[in-house]
């Protein structure tokens, strides 16, 4: 069986006039490159700590960890107090296994880069749990709009907090 990236399959099917909603409903995407999911997770106590160098490091760490597991990030935003990821998770990997790996390893990697953060929340950087929605239930435009709006809102909050 061949392994295609989600982008390859989407581009191919969009050329034939299919919408992303139609593509996910017919199951082609999940068969070859995994299920498209929207995932949202937060730092412990929803602390507003994802700004500046930490935000850049979280973005880089999440990209690296997703590449290790062959998970493709379709869209994403690291906001001041939460993270949004639209991802294509390979069929062999469950969402819960992937999220456990992503949150666990990213915590360790983040503490390696920022040891001063480690003692604040008893070794856990991310809060327990996460929100996940398969994108087949919502349109691709809605996902892109939602992530973009959240990123813009986060930038506004970030600029307000740095202006004080």
N, C-alpha and C. Protein backbone atom coordinates (compact mmCIF):
# COMPACT_ATOMS: atom_id res chain seq x y z
N UNK A 1 0.85 -1.18 0.00
CA UNK A 1 0.00 0.00 0.00
C UNK A 1 0.89 1.24 0.00
N UNK A 2 0.52 2.22 -0.76
CA UNK A 2 1.27 3.47 -0.83
C UNK A 2 0.82 4.40 0.28
N UNK A 3 1.75 5.23 0.75
CA UNK A 3 1.41 6.23 1.75
C UNK A 3 1.49 7.59 1.09
N UNK A 4 0.36 8.27 1.01
CA UNK A 4 0.31 9.61 0.43
C UNK A 4 0.15 10.62 1.54
N UNK A 5 0.66 11.81 1.32
CA UNK A 5 0.38 12.87 2.29
C UNK A 5 -1.05 13.35 2.06
N UNK A 6 -1.62 13.94 3.08
CA UNK A 6 -2.98 14.46 2.96
C UNK A 6 -3.06 15.51 1.87
N UNK A 7 -2.02 16.33 1.76
CA UNK A 7 -2.01 17.37 0.74
C UNK A 7 -2.06 16.76 -0.66
N UNK A 8 -1.33 15.67 -0.90
CA UNK A 8 -1.34 15.01 -2.20
C UNK A 8 -2.75 14.55 -2.57
N UNK A 9 -3.40 13.88 -1.64
CA UNK A 9 -4.73 13.34 -1.90
C UNK A 9 -5.74 14.47 -2.09
N UNK A 10 -5.66 15.49 -1.24
CA UNK A 10 -6.59 16.62 -1.33
C UNK A 10 -6.44 17.34 -2.66
N UNK A 11 -5.21 17.64 -3.04
CA UNK A 11 -4.98 18.34 -4.31
C UNK A 11 -5.49 17.52 -5.48
N UNK A 12 -5.21 16.22 -5.47
CA UNK A 12 -5.66 15.34 -6.55
C UNK A 12 -7.18 15.36 -6.67
N UNK A 13 -7.88 15.21 -5.54
CA UNK A 13 -9.33 15.14 -5.58
C UNK A 13 -9.98 16.50 -5.82
N UNK A 14 -9.34 17.57 -5.34
CA UNK A 14 -9.89 18.91 -5.59
C UNK A 14 -9.82 19.25 -7.08
N UNK A 15 -8.84 18.70 -7.77
CA UNK A 15 -8.75 18.92 -9.22
C UNK A 15 -9.95 18.33 -9.95
N UNK A 16 -10.59 17.34 -9.33
CA UNK A 16 -11.77 16.74 -9.93
C UNK A 16 -13.07 17.32 -9.39
N UNK A 17 -12.97 18.48 -8.75
CA UNK A 17 -14.16 19.19 -8.31
C UNK A 17 -14.79 18.73 -7.02
N UNK A 18 -14.06 17.95 -6.22
CA UNK A 18 -14.58 17.49 -4.94
C UNK A 18 -14.26 18.52 -3.86
N UNK A 19 -15.17 18.70 -2.92
CA UNK A 19 -14.88 19.56 -1.77
C UNK A 19 -14.23 18.70 -0.70
N UNK A 20 -13.58 19.33 0.26
CA UNK A 20 -12.93 18.57 1.34
C UNK A 20 -13.97 17.79 2.13
N UNK A 21 -15.16 18.36 2.29
CA UNK A 21 -16.22 17.66 3.00
C UNK A 21 -16.61 16.38 2.26
N UNK A 22 -16.74 16.45 0.94
CA UNK A 22 -17.06 15.26 0.14
C UNK A 22 -15.94 14.23 0.22
N UNK A 23 -14.72 14.72 0.19
CA UNK A 23 -13.56 13.82 0.22
C UNK A 23 -13.55 13.02 1.52
N UNK A 24 -13.77 13.69 2.65
CA UNK A 24 -13.74 12.98 3.93
C UNK A 24 -14.95 12.06 4.09
N UNK A 25 -16.08 12.43 3.50
CA UNK A 25 -17.27 11.58 3.61
C UNK A 25 -17.10 10.27 2.85
N UNK A 26 -16.41 10.30 1.71
CA UNK A 26 -16.26 9.05 0.95
C UNK A 26 -15.13 8.19 1.48
N UNK A 27 -14.35 8.70 2.45
CA UNK A 27 -13.37 7.87 3.14
C UNK A 27 -12.05 7.69 2.44
N UNK A 28 -11.84 8.32 1.30
CA UNK A 28 -10.58 8.15 0.57
C UNK A 28 -9.41 8.66 1.38
N UNK A 29 -9.59 9.80 2.00
CA UNK A 29 -8.50 10.42 2.74
C UNK A 29 -8.05 9.55 3.90
N UNK A 30 -8.98 9.02 4.67
CA UNK A 30 -8.60 8.21 5.82
C UNK A 30 -7.98 6.88 5.40
N UNK A 31 -8.33 6.38 4.23
CA UNK A 31 -7.79 5.12 3.78
C UNK A 31 -6.30 5.23 3.44
N UNK A 32 -5.89 6.36 2.87
CA UNK A 32 -4.51 6.49 2.41
C UNK A 32 -3.62 7.34 3.29
N UNK A 33 -4.15 8.32 3.96
CA UNK A 33 -3.26 9.20 4.73
C UNK A 33 -3.78 9.50 6.12
N UNK A 34 -4.84 8.88 6.53
CA UNK A 34 -5.32 9.08 7.89
C UNK A 34 -6.50 10.00 7.95
N UNK A 35 -7.03 10.09 9.15
CA UNK A 35 -8.22 10.90 9.36
C UNK A 35 -7.82 12.34 9.66
N UNK A 36 -8.55 13.26 9.06
CA UNK A 36 -8.30 14.67 9.35
C UNK A 36 -9.02 15.03 10.64
N UNK A 37 -8.28 15.63 11.57
CA UNK A 37 -8.84 15.97 12.87
C UNK A 37 -8.44 17.38 13.26
N UNK A 38 -9.33 18.05 13.98
CA UNK A 38 -9.02 19.32 14.60
C UNK A 38 -8.79 19.03 16.07
N UNK A 39 -7.62 19.40 16.59
CA UNK A 39 -7.25 19.12 17.97
C UNK A 39 -6.95 20.44 18.67
N UNK A 40 -7.48 20.61 19.87
CA UNK A 40 -7.21 21.79 20.68
C UNK A 40 -6.78 21.31 22.06
N UNK A 41 -5.66 21.85 22.57
CA UNK A 41 -5.23 21.53 23.92
C UNK A 41 -4.62 22.76 24.56
N UNK A 42 -4.55 22.74 25.92
CA UNK A 42 -4.18 23.94 26.67
C UNK A 42 -3.06 23.64 27.66
N UNK A 43 -2.30 24.68 28.05
CA UNK A 43 -1.35 24.51 29.15
C UNK A 43 -2.11 24.31 30.47
N UNK A 44 -1.46 23.71 31.43
CA UNK A 44 -2.10 23.47 32.72
C UNK A 44 -2.62 24.77 33.32
N UNK A 45 -3.81 24.73 33.86
CA UNK A 45 -4.52 25.87 34.45
C UNK A 45 -4.78 26.98 33.43
N UNK A 46 -4.67 26.65 32.16
CA UNK A 46 -4.87 27.59 31.05
C UNK A 46 -4.06 28.88 31.26
N UNK A 47 -2.87 28.71 31.77
CA UNK A 47 -1.96 29.84 31.98
C UNK A 47 -1.57 30.42 30.63
N UNK A 48 -1.43 31.72 30.56
CA UNK A 48 -1.05 32.40 29.32
C UNK A 48 0.47 32.45 29.23
N UNK A 49 1.06 31.31 28.86
CA UNK A 49 2.51 31.18 28.84
C UNK A 49 3.08 30.98 27.44
N UNK A 50 2.22 30.82 26.43
CA UNK A 50 2.71 30.52 25.08
C UNK A 50 2.93 31.81 24.30
N UNK A 51 3.96 32.53 24.65
CA UNK A 51 4.30 33.77 23.95
C UNK A 51 5.82 33.87 23.84
N UNK A 52 6.27 34.72 22.92
CA UNK A 52 7.71 34.95 22.75
C UNK A 52 8.46 33.70 22.33
N UNK A 53 9.58 33.45 23.00
CA UNK A 53 10.45 32.32 22.68
C UNK A 53 9.76 30.98 22.94
N UNK A 54 8.94 30.92 23.98
CA UNK A 54 8.22 29.68 24.29
C UNK A 54 7.28 29.32 23.15
N UNK A 55 6.58 30.30 22.61
CA UNK A 55 5.66 30.06 21.49
C UNK A 55 6.42 29.51 20.28
N UNK A 56 7.56 30.12 19.96
CA UNK A 56 8.37 29.64 18.83
C UNK A 56 8.86 28.22 19.08
N UNK A 57 9.30 27.94 20.31
CA UNK A 57 9.78 26.60 20.64
C UNK A 57 8.66 25.57 20.57
N UNK A 58 7.47 25.91 21.08
CA UNK A 58 6.34 24.98 21.02
C UNK A 58 6.00 24.67 19.56
N UNK A 59 5.97 25.69 18.72
CA UNK A 59 5.68 25.49 17.29
C UNK A 59 6.70 24.56 16.66
N UNK A 60 7.98 24.79 16.93
CA UNK A 60 9.04 23.95 16.37
C UNK A 60 8.98 22.52 16.91
N UNK A 61 8.74 22.37 18.21
CA UNK A 61 8.66 21.04 18.83
C UNK A 61 7.49 20.25 18.27
N UNK A 62 6.32 20.88 18.15
CA UNK A 62 5.15 20.18 17.62
C UNK A 62 5.37 19.75 16.17
N UNK A 63 5.99 20.61 15.37
CA UNK A 63 6.31 20.23 13.99
C UNK A 63 7.24 19.03 13.94
N UNK A 64 8.28 19.05 14.77
CA UNK A 64 9.25 17.95 14.81
C UNK A 64 8.59 16.65 15.23
N UNK A 65 7.80 16.68 16.31
CA UNK A 65 7.16 15.46 16.80
C UNK A 65 6.15 14.90 15.81
N UNK A 66 5.43 15.78 15.11
CA UNK A 66 4.47 15.31 14.10
C UNK A 66 5.21 14.63 12.95
N UNK A 67 6.34 15.18 12.55
CA UNK A 67 7.12 14.55 11.48
C UNK A 67 7.61 13.17 11.88
N UNK A 68 8.01 13.01 13.16
CA UNK A 68 8.48 11.71 13.65
C UNK A 68 7.41 10.64 13.52
N UNK A 69 6.16 11.01 13.70
CA UNK A 69 5.05 10.05 13.65
C UNK A 69 4.32 10.05 12.31
N UNK A 70 4.86 10.74 11.31
CA UNK A 70 4.22 10.85 9.98
C UNK A 70 2.83 11.46 10.06
N UNK A 71 2.64 12.39 10.97
CA UNK A 71 1.39 13.12 11.09
C UNK A 71 1.59 14.45 10.38
N UNK A 72 0.70 14.75 9.46
CA UNK A 72 0.83 15.98 8.69
C UNK A 72 -0.02 17.08 9.31
N UNK A 73 0.62 18.23 9.54
CA UNK A 73 -0.11 19.39 10.06
C UNK A 73 -0.67 20.15 8.86
N UNK A 74 -1.99 20.20 8.75
CA UNK A 74 -2.65 20.91 7.67
C UNK A 74 -2.69 22.40 7.98
N UNK A 75 -3.06 22.73 9.21
CA UNK A 75 -3.08 24.11 9.67
C UNK A 75 -2.88 24.08 11.18
N UNK A 76 -2.44 25.19 11.73
CA UNK A 76 -2.24 25.22 13.16
C UNK A 76 -2.00 26.62 13.66
N UNK A 77 -2.22 26.80 14.95
CA UNK A 77 -1.96 28.09 15.59
C UNK A 77 -1.59 27.83 17.05
N UNK A 78 -0.50 28.46 17.47
CA UNK A 78 -0.12 28.44 18.88
C UNK A 78 -0.55 29.78 19.44
N UNK A 79 -1.63 29.77 20.20
CA UNK A 79 -2.16 30.98 20.80
C UNK A 79 -1.57 31.13 22.20
N UNK A 80 -1.85 32.23 22.86
CA UNK A 80 -1.24 32.53 24.15
C UNK A 80 -1.58 31.47 25.21
N UNK A 81 -2.83 30.95 25.17
CA UNK A 81 -3.23 30.00 26.20
C UNK A 81 -3.79 28.68 25.65
N UNK A 82 -3.60 28.41 24.37
CA UNK A 82 -4.03 27.13 23.80
C UNK A 82 -3.39 26.91 22.43
N UNK A 83 -3.51 25.68 21.95
CA UNK A 83 -2.94 25.30 20.65
C UNK A 83 -4.04 24.66 19.81
N UNK A 84 -4.12 25.08 18.54
CA UNK A 84 -5.04 24.47 17.57
C UNK A 84 -4.20 23.76 16.52
N UNK A 85 -4.56 22.52 16.21
CA UNK A 85 -3.89 21.79 15.13
C UNK A 85 -4.94 21.09 14.28
N UNK A 86 -4.84 21.28 12.99
CA UNK A 86 -5.61 20.49 12.04
C UNK A 86 -4.63 19.50 11.45
N UNK A 87 -4.81 18.21 11.77
CA UNK A 87 -3.80 17.20 11.43
C UNK A 87 -4.41 16.02 10.68
N UNK A 88 -3.57 15.37 9.89
CA UNK A 88 -3.92 14.10 9.24
C UNK A 88 -3.12 13.02 9.95
N UNK A 89 -3.80 12.22 10.75
CA UNK A 89 -3.15 11.18 11.54
C UNK A 89 -3.21 9.87 10.75
N UNK A 90 -2.07 9.19 10.57
CA UNK A 90 -2.07 7.91 9.82
C UNK A 90 -3.02 6.89 10.44
N UNK A 91 -3.58 6.01 9.62
CA UNK A 91 -4.57 5.03 10.11
C UNK A 91 -4.03 4.11 11.21
N UNK A 92 -2.73 3.84 11.22
CA UNK A 92 -2.16 2.92 12.21
C UNK A 92 -2.03 3.54 13.60
N UNK A 93 -2.26 4.85 13.71
CA UNK A 93 -2.05 5.58 14.95
C UNK A 93 -3.38 6.14 15.44
N UNK A 94 -3.77 5.82 16.66
CA UNK A 94 -5.03 6.36 17.19
C UNK A 94 -4.81 7.80 17.65
N UNK A 95 -5.88 8.55 17.70
CA UNK A 95 -5.81 9.95 18.13
C UNK A 95 -5.31 10.01 19.57
N UNK A 96 -5.80 9.13 20.43
CA UNK A 96 -5.40 9.18 21.84
C UNK A 96 -3.92 8.83 22.01
N UNK A 97 -3.42 7.84 21.27
CA UNK A 97 -1.99 7.52 21.33
C UNK A 97 -1.15 8.68 20.85
N UNK A 98 -1.59 9.29 19.75
CA UNK A 98 -0.85 10.42 19.20
C UNK A 98 -0.82 11.60 20.18
N UNK A 99 -1.96 11.91 20.79
CA UNK A 99 -2.01 13.04 21.70
C UNK A 99 -1.19 12.78 22.97
N UNK A 100 -1.21 11.55 23.45
CA UNK A 100 -0.37 11.21 24.60
C UNK A 100 1.10 11.40 24.28
N UNK A 101 1.49 10.93 23.09
CA UNK A 101 2.87 11.10 22.64
C UNK A 101 3.20 12.58 22.47
N UNK A 102 2.33 13.32 21.79
CA UNK A 102 2.60 14.73 21.49
C UNK A 102 2.72 15.56 22.76
N UNK A 103 1.78 15.41 23.67
CA UNK A 103 1.81 16.21 24.89
C UNK A 103 2.95 15.78 25.82
N UNK A 104 3.19 14.49 25.92
CA UNK A 104 4.26 14.00 26.80
C UNK A 104 5.65 14.40 26.32
N UNK A 105 5.94 14.12 25.06
CA UNK A 105 7.27 14.44 24.52
C UNK A 105 7.49 15.94 24.41
N UNK A 106 6.44 16.68 24.04
CA UNK A 106 6.62 18.13 23.90
C UNK A 106 6.91 18.76 25.27
N UNK A 107 6.31 18.22 26.32
CA UNK A 107 6.60 18.71 27.66
C UNK A 107 8.08 18.52 28.00
N UNK A 108 8.59 17.31 27.75
CA UNK A 108 9.99 17.03 28.05
C UNK A 108 10.93 17.91 27.23
N UNK A 109 10.62 18.06 25.94
CA UNK A 109 11.47 18.88 25.07
C UNK A 109 11.41 20.35 25.46
N UNK A 110 10.23 20.81 25.86
CA UNK A 110 10.08 22.21 26.28
C UNK A 110 10.83 22.47 27.58
N UNK A 111 10.78 21.52 28.52
CA UNK A 111 11.51 21.68 29.78
C UNK A 111 13.02 21.62 29.56
N UNK A 112 13.47 20.89 28.55
CA UNK A 112 14.90 20.90 28.22
C UNK A 112 15.34 22.29 27.78
N UNK A 113 14.49 22.96 27.03
CA UNK A 113 14.83 24.30 26.52
C UNK A 113 14.55 25.40 27.54
N UNK A 114 13.56 25.19 28.41
CA UNK A 114 13.17 26.20 29.40
C UNK A 114 13.06 25.55 30.78
N UNK A 115 14.17 25.22 31.41
CA UNK A 115 14.11 24.52 32.71
C UNK A 115 13.43 25.33 33.81
N UNK A 116 13.39 26.64 33.67
CA UNK A 116 12.74 27.47 34.70
C UNK A 116 11.24 27.23 34.78
N UNK A 117 10.63 26.66 33.75
CA UNK A 117 9.18 26.41 33.73
C UNK A 117 8.81 25.11 34.43
N UNK A 118 9.78 24.23 34.65
CA UNK A 118 9.48 22.89 35.12
C UNK A 118 8.87 22.83 36.51
N UNK A 119 9.30 23.62 37.42
CA UNK A 119 8.82 23.51 38.79
C UNK A 119 7.46 24.15 39.01
N UNK A 120 6.96 24.88 38.03
CA UNK A 120 5.71 25.62 38.23
C UNK A 120 4.48 24.74 38.41
N UNK A 121 4.37 23.65 37.64
CA UNK A 121 3.12 22.89 37.63
C UNK A 121 3.33 21.39 37.83
N UNK A 122 4.22 21.02 38.73
CA UNK A 122 4.42 19.61 39.07
C UNK A 122 4.68 18.72 37.85
N UNK A 123 5.64 19.05 37.06
CA UNK A 123 6.11 18.29 35.91
C UNK A 123 5.16 18.31 34.70
N UNK A 124 3.91 18.64 34.87
CA UNK A 124 2.97 18.64 33.75
C UNK A 124 2.88 20.05 33.17
N UNK A 125 3.15 20.18 31.89
CA UNK A 125 3.00 21.47 31.24
C UNK A 125 1.60 21.62 30.66
N UNK A 126 1.12 20.56 30.01
CA UNK A 126 -0.21 20.58 29.38
C UNK A 126 -1.25 20.08 30.37
N UNK A 127 -2.45 20.62 30.26
CA UNK A 127 -3.58 20.15 31.08
C UNK A 127 -4.00 18.76 30.63
N UNK A 128 -4.66 18.03 31.52
CA UNK A 128 -5.19 16.72 31.13
C UNK A 128 -6.27 16.92 30.09
N UNK A 129 -6.34 16.04 29.13
CA UNK A 129 -7.40 16.07 28.14
C UNK A 129 -7.10 16.97 26.96
N UNK A 130 -8.00 16.94 26.00
CA UNK A 130 -7.90 17.72 24.78
C UNK A 130 -9.25 17.65 24.07
N UNK A 131 -9.46 18.55 23.13
CA UNK A 131 -10.68 18.52 22.31
C UNK A 131 -10.28 18.01 20.94
N UNK A 132 -11.06 17.10 20.40
CA UNK A 132 -10.80 16.61 19.05
C UNK A 132 -12.12 16.50 18.29
N UNK A 133 -12.08 16.87 17.02
CA UNK A 133 -13.25 16.77 16.14
C UNK A 133 -12.74 16.31 14.79
N UNK A 134 -13.38 15.30 14.23
CA UNK A 134 -12.99 14.91 12.88
C UNK A 134 -13.51 15.97 11.92
N UNK A 135 -12.67 16.31 10.97
CA UNK A 135 -13.00 17.41 10.07
C UNK A 135 -14.09 17.01 9.07
N UNK A 136 -14.37 15.74 8.94
CA UNK A 136 -15.43 15.31 8.05
C UNK A 136 -16.79 15.83 8.48
N UNK A 137 -16.91 16.21 9.75
CA UNK A 137 -18.18 16.71 10.26
C UNK A 137 -18.36 18.21 10.04
N UNK A 138 -17.30 18.91 9.71
CA UNK A 138 -17.37 20.34 9.47
C UNK A 138 -16.64 20.65 8.17
N UNK A 139 -16.90 21.78 7.58
CA UNK A 139 -16.30 22.10 6.29
C UNK A 139 -14.88 22.60 6.46
N UNK A 140 -14.09 22.45 5.40
CA UNK A 140 -12.70 22.90 5.45
C UNK A 140 -12.62 24.42 5.62
N UNK A 141 -13.56 25.15 5.03
CA UNK A 141 -13.56 26.61 5.17
C UNK A 141 -13.78 27.01 6.63
N UNK A 142 -14.65 26.28 7.31
CA UNK A 142 -14.93 26.58 8.72
C UNK A 142 -13.70 26.33 9.58
N UNK A 143 -12.97 25.26 9.31
CA UNK A 143 -11.76 24.96 10.07
C UNK A 143 -10.71 26.04 9.85
N UNK A 144 -10.45 26.37 8.58
CA UNK A 144 -9.45 27.39 8.27
C UNK A 144 -9.82 28.73 8.89
N UNK A 145 -11.10 29.09 8.79
CA UNK A 145 -11.58 30.36 9.36
C UNK A 145 -11.42 30.37 10.87
N UNK A 146 -11.78 29.27 11.51
CA UNK A 146 -11.70 29.16 12.97
C UNK A 146 -10.26 29.30 13.45
N UNK A 147 -9.34 28.58 12.82
CA UNK A 147 -7.93 28.64 13.22
C UNK A 147 -7.37 30.03 12.97
N UNK A 148 -7.72 30.63 11.83
CA UNK A 148 -7.23 31.97 11.52
C UNK A 148 -7.75 33.00 12.53
N UNK A 149 -9.03 32.90 12.87
CA UNK A 149 -9.61 33.83 13.85
C UNK A 149 -8.96 33.68 15.21
N UNK A 150 -8.69 32.43 15.62
CA UNK A 150 -8.05 32.20 16.91
C UNK A 150 -6.63 32.75 16.93
N UNK A 151 -5.91 32.59 15.82
CA UNK A 151 -4.55 33.11 15.73
C UNK A 151 -4.55 34.63 15.78
N UNK A 152 -5.49 35.27 15.06
CA UNK A 152 -5.57 36.73 15.08
C UNK A 152 -5.94 37.24 16.47
N UNK A 153 -6.87 36.56 17.13
CA UNK A 153 -7.27 36.96 18.47
C UNK A 153 -6.08 36.84 19.44
N UNK A 154 -5.31 35.77 19.26
CA UNK A 154 -4.15 35.57 20.11
C UNK A 154 -3.09 36.65 19.87
N UNK A 155 -2.90 37.03 18.61
CA UNK A 155 -1.93 38.10 18.29
C UNK A 155 -2.36 39.42 18.92
N UNK A 156 -3.67 39.70 18.88
CA UNK A 156 -4.17 40.93 19.50
C UNK A 156 -3.93 40.92 21.00
N UNK A 157 -4.22 39.77 21.66
CA UNK A 157 -3.98 39.66 23.09
C UNK A 157 -2.50 39.80 23.40
N UNK A 158 -1.66 39.21 22.56
CA UNK A 158 -0.21 39.24 22.75
C UNK A 158 0.30 40.67 22.64
N UNK A 159 -0.20 41.41 21.65
CA UNK A 159 0.26 42.79 21.48
C UNK A 159 -0.23 43.68 22.61
N UNK A 160 -1.45 43.40 23.13
CA UNK A 160 -1.96 44.16 24.26
C UNK A 160 -1.13 43.93 25.51
N UNK A 161 -0.74 42.65 25.73
CA UNK A 161 0.01 42.33 26.94
C UNK A 161 1.44 42.86 26.86
N UNK A 162 2.03 42.93 25.66
CA UNK A 162 3.38 43.48 25.55
C UNK A 162 3.38 45.00 25.57
N UNK A 163 2.22 45.61 25.27
CA UNK A 163 2.14 47.07 25.25
C UNK A 163 2.07 47.63 26.68
N UNK A 164 1.65 46.82 27.64
CA UNK A 164 1.50 47.33 29.03
C UNK A 164 2.78 47.51 29.72
